[in-house]
Amino acid sequence: MRELLALLSLLLWLALMVWVYRSSPEWFFVPFFFLATFAYLRLMETSKSS
């Protein structure tokens, strides 16, 4: 069940990144992608350890 939720989370993350990429200029997307991915990984790290 945890694996299914993790896969769903990654797919939703990918869909969000594609949507932001298509609807925003490139100069905005690149820093947003790095910051958002770092924040996402930190969020997954804290929820995994609890």
N, C-alpha and C. Protein backbone atom coordinates (compact mmCIF):
# COMPACT_ATOMS: atom_id res chain seq x y z
N MET A 1 0.83 -1.20 0.00
CA MET A 1 0.00 0.00 0.00
C MET A 1 0.87 1.27 0.00
N ARG A 2 1.96 1.23 0.79
CA ARG A 2 2.85 2.40 0.82
C ARG A 2 3.50 2.64 -0.53
N GLU A 3 3.85 1.55 -1.22
CA GLU A 3 4.47 1.68 -2.54
C GLU A 3 3.49 2.31 -3.53
N LEU A 4 2.22 1.92 -3.44
CA LEU A 4 1.21 2.49 -4.34
C LEU A 4 1.03 3.98 -4.07
N LEU A 5 1.01 4.37 -2.81
CA LEU A 5 0.88 5.79 -2.47
C LEU A 5 2.10 6.58 -2.91
N ALA A 6 3.28 5.99 -2.79
CA ALA A 6 4.50 6.66 -3.23
C ALA A 6 4.49 6.84 -4.75
N LEU A 7 4.07 5.83 -5.47
CA LEU A 7 3.99 5.92 -6.93
C LEU A 7 2.96 6.96 -7.35
N LEU A 8 1.82 6.97 -6.70
CA LEU A 8 0.80 7.98 -7.00
C LEU A 8 1.31 9.38 -6.72
N SER A 9 2.03 9.55 -5.63
CA SER A 9 2.60 10.84 -5.29
C SER A 9 3.58 11.31 -6.35
N LEU A 10 4.45 10.40 -6.82
CA LEU A 10 5.41 10.75 -7.87
C LEU A 10 4.71 11.10 -9.18
N LEU A 11 3.66 10.37 -9.53
CA LEU A 11 2.94 10.66 -10.76
C LEU A 11 2.24 12.02 -10.69
N LEU A 12 1.66 12.33 -9.54
CA LEU A 12 1.03 13.64 -9.37
C LEU A 12 2.07 14.75 -9.41
N TRP A 13 3.24 14.51 -8.83
CA TRP A 13 4.33 15.48 -8.87
C TRP A 13 4.76 15.74 -10.31
N LEU A 14 4.90 14.66 -11.09
CA LEU A 14 5.29 14.80 -12.49
C LEU A 14 4.23 15.57 -13.28
N ALA A 15 2.97 15.27 -13.04
CA ALA A 15 1.89 15.98 -13.73
C ALA A 15 1.91 17.48 -13.36
N LEU A 16 2.15 17.78 -12.10
CA LEU A 16 2.23 19.18 -11.68
C LEU A 16 3.40 19.89 -12.36
N MET A 17 4.55 19.24 -12.43
CA MET A 17 5.72 19.85 -13.07
C MET A 17 5.48 20.08 -14.57
N VAL A 18 4.83 19.14 -15.24
CA VAL A 18 4.52 19.32 -16.66
C VAL A 18 3.56 20.49 -16.84
N TRP A 19 2.54 20.58 -15.98
CA TRP A 19 1.57 21.67 -16.09
C TRP A 19 2.24 23.03 -15.85
N VAL A 20 3.09 23.13 -14.84
CA VAL A 20 3.78 24.38 -14.56
C VAL A 20 4.73 24.72 -15.70
N TYR A 21 5.40 23.72 -16.26
CA TYR A 21 6.33 23.96 -17.37
C TYR A 21 5.60 24.51 -18.60
N ARG A 22 4.43 23.96 -18.89
CA ARG A 22 3.69 24.39 -20.08
C ARG A 22 3.02 25.75 -19.89
N SER A 23 2.73 26.14 -18.64
CA SER A 23 1.99 27.38 -18.43
C SER A 23 2.85 28.52 -17.89
N SER A 24 4.16 28.33 -17.80
CA SER A 24 5.01 29.40 -17.28
C SER A 24 6.23 29.57 -18.18
N PRO A 25 6.84 30.75 -18.15
CA PRO A 25 8.06 30.95 -18.94
C PRO A 25 9.23 30.14 -18.39
N GLU A 26 10.20 29.89 -19.24
CA GLU A 26 11.32 29.03 -18.86
C GLU A 26 12.14 29.63 -17.72
N TRP A 27 12.30 30.96 -17.71
CA TRP A 27 13.11 31.58 -16.65
C TRP A 27 12.47 31.40 -15.28
N PHE A 28 11.15 31.20 -15.22
CA PHE A 28 10.49 30.95 -13.95
C PHE A 28 10.56 29.47 -13.59
N PHE A 29 10.42 28.60 -14.59
CA PHE A 29 10.29 27.17 -14.30
C PHE A 29 11.56 26.56 -13.73
N VAL A 30 12.71 26.94 -14.25
CA VAL A 30 13.96 26.28 -13.82
C VAL A 30 14.23 26.47 -12.32
N PRO A 31 14.24 27.72 -11.78
CA PRO A 31 14.44 27.82 -10.32
C PRO A 31 13.28 27.22 -9.53
N PHE A 32 12.04 27.36 -10.04
CA PHE A 32 10.89 26.77 -9.36
C PHE A 32 11.04 25.26 -9.27
N PHE A 33 11.48 24.63 -10.35
CA PHE A 33 11.63 23.18 -10.37
C PHE A 33 12.64 22.72 -9.32
N PHE A 34 13.79 23.38 -9.25
CA PHE A 34 14.81 22.97 -8.28
C PHE A 34 14.35 23.20 -6.85
N LEU A 35 13.77 24.35 -6.58
CA LEU A 35 13.30 24.62 -5.21
C LEU A 35 12.15 23.70 -4.82
N ALA A 36 11.21 23.50 -5.72
CA ALA A 36 10.05 22.66 -5.41
C ALA A 36 10.46 21.20 -5.25
N THR A 37 11.39 20.74 -6.07
CA THR A 37 11.85 19.35 -5.96
C THR A 37 12.59 19.15 -4.64
N PHE A 38 13.43 20.10 -4.26
CA PHE A 38 14.13 20.01 -2.98
C PHE A 38 13.12 19.97 -1.82
N ALA A 39 12.12 20.83 -1.87
CA ALA A 39 11.10 20.85 -0.82
C ALA A 39 10.31 19.54 -0.80
N TYR A 40 9.99 19.01 -1.97
CA TYR A 40 9.26 17.74 -2.06
C TYR A 40 10.08 16.60 -1.46
N LEU A 41 11.36 16.55 -1.77
CA LEU A 41 12.21 15.49 -1.23
C LEU A 41 12.35 15.62 0.28
N ARG A 42 12.45 16.84 0.78
CA ARG A 42 12.49 17.04 2.25
C ARG A 42 11.19 16.58 2.88
N LEU A 43 10.07 16.88 2.25
CA LEU A 43 8.77 16.46 2.78
C LEU A 43 8.66 14.93 2.80
N MET A 44 9.09 14.28 1.74
CA MET A 44 9.05 12.82 1.70
C MET A 44 9.98 12.20 2.73
N GLU A 45 11.13 12.84 2.95
CA GLU A 45 12.09 12.34 3.93
C GLU A 45 11.53 12.38 5.35
N THR A 46 10.87 13.48 5.72
CA THR A 46 10.33 13.59 7.08
C THR A 46 9.14 12.66 7.27
N SER A 47 8.30 12.51 6.26
CA SER A 47 7.14 11.64 6.43
C SER A 47 7.57 10.16 6.44
N LYS A 48 8.68 9.84 5.78
CA LYS A 48 9.15 8.47 5.75
C LYS A 48 9.71 8.05 7.11
N SER A 49 10.35 8.97 7.81
CA SER A 49 10.99 8.61 9.08
C SER A 49 9.99 8.52 10.23
N SER A 50 8.80 9.07 10.07
CA SER A 50 7.83 9.03 11.18
C SER A 50 7.04 7.74 11.20
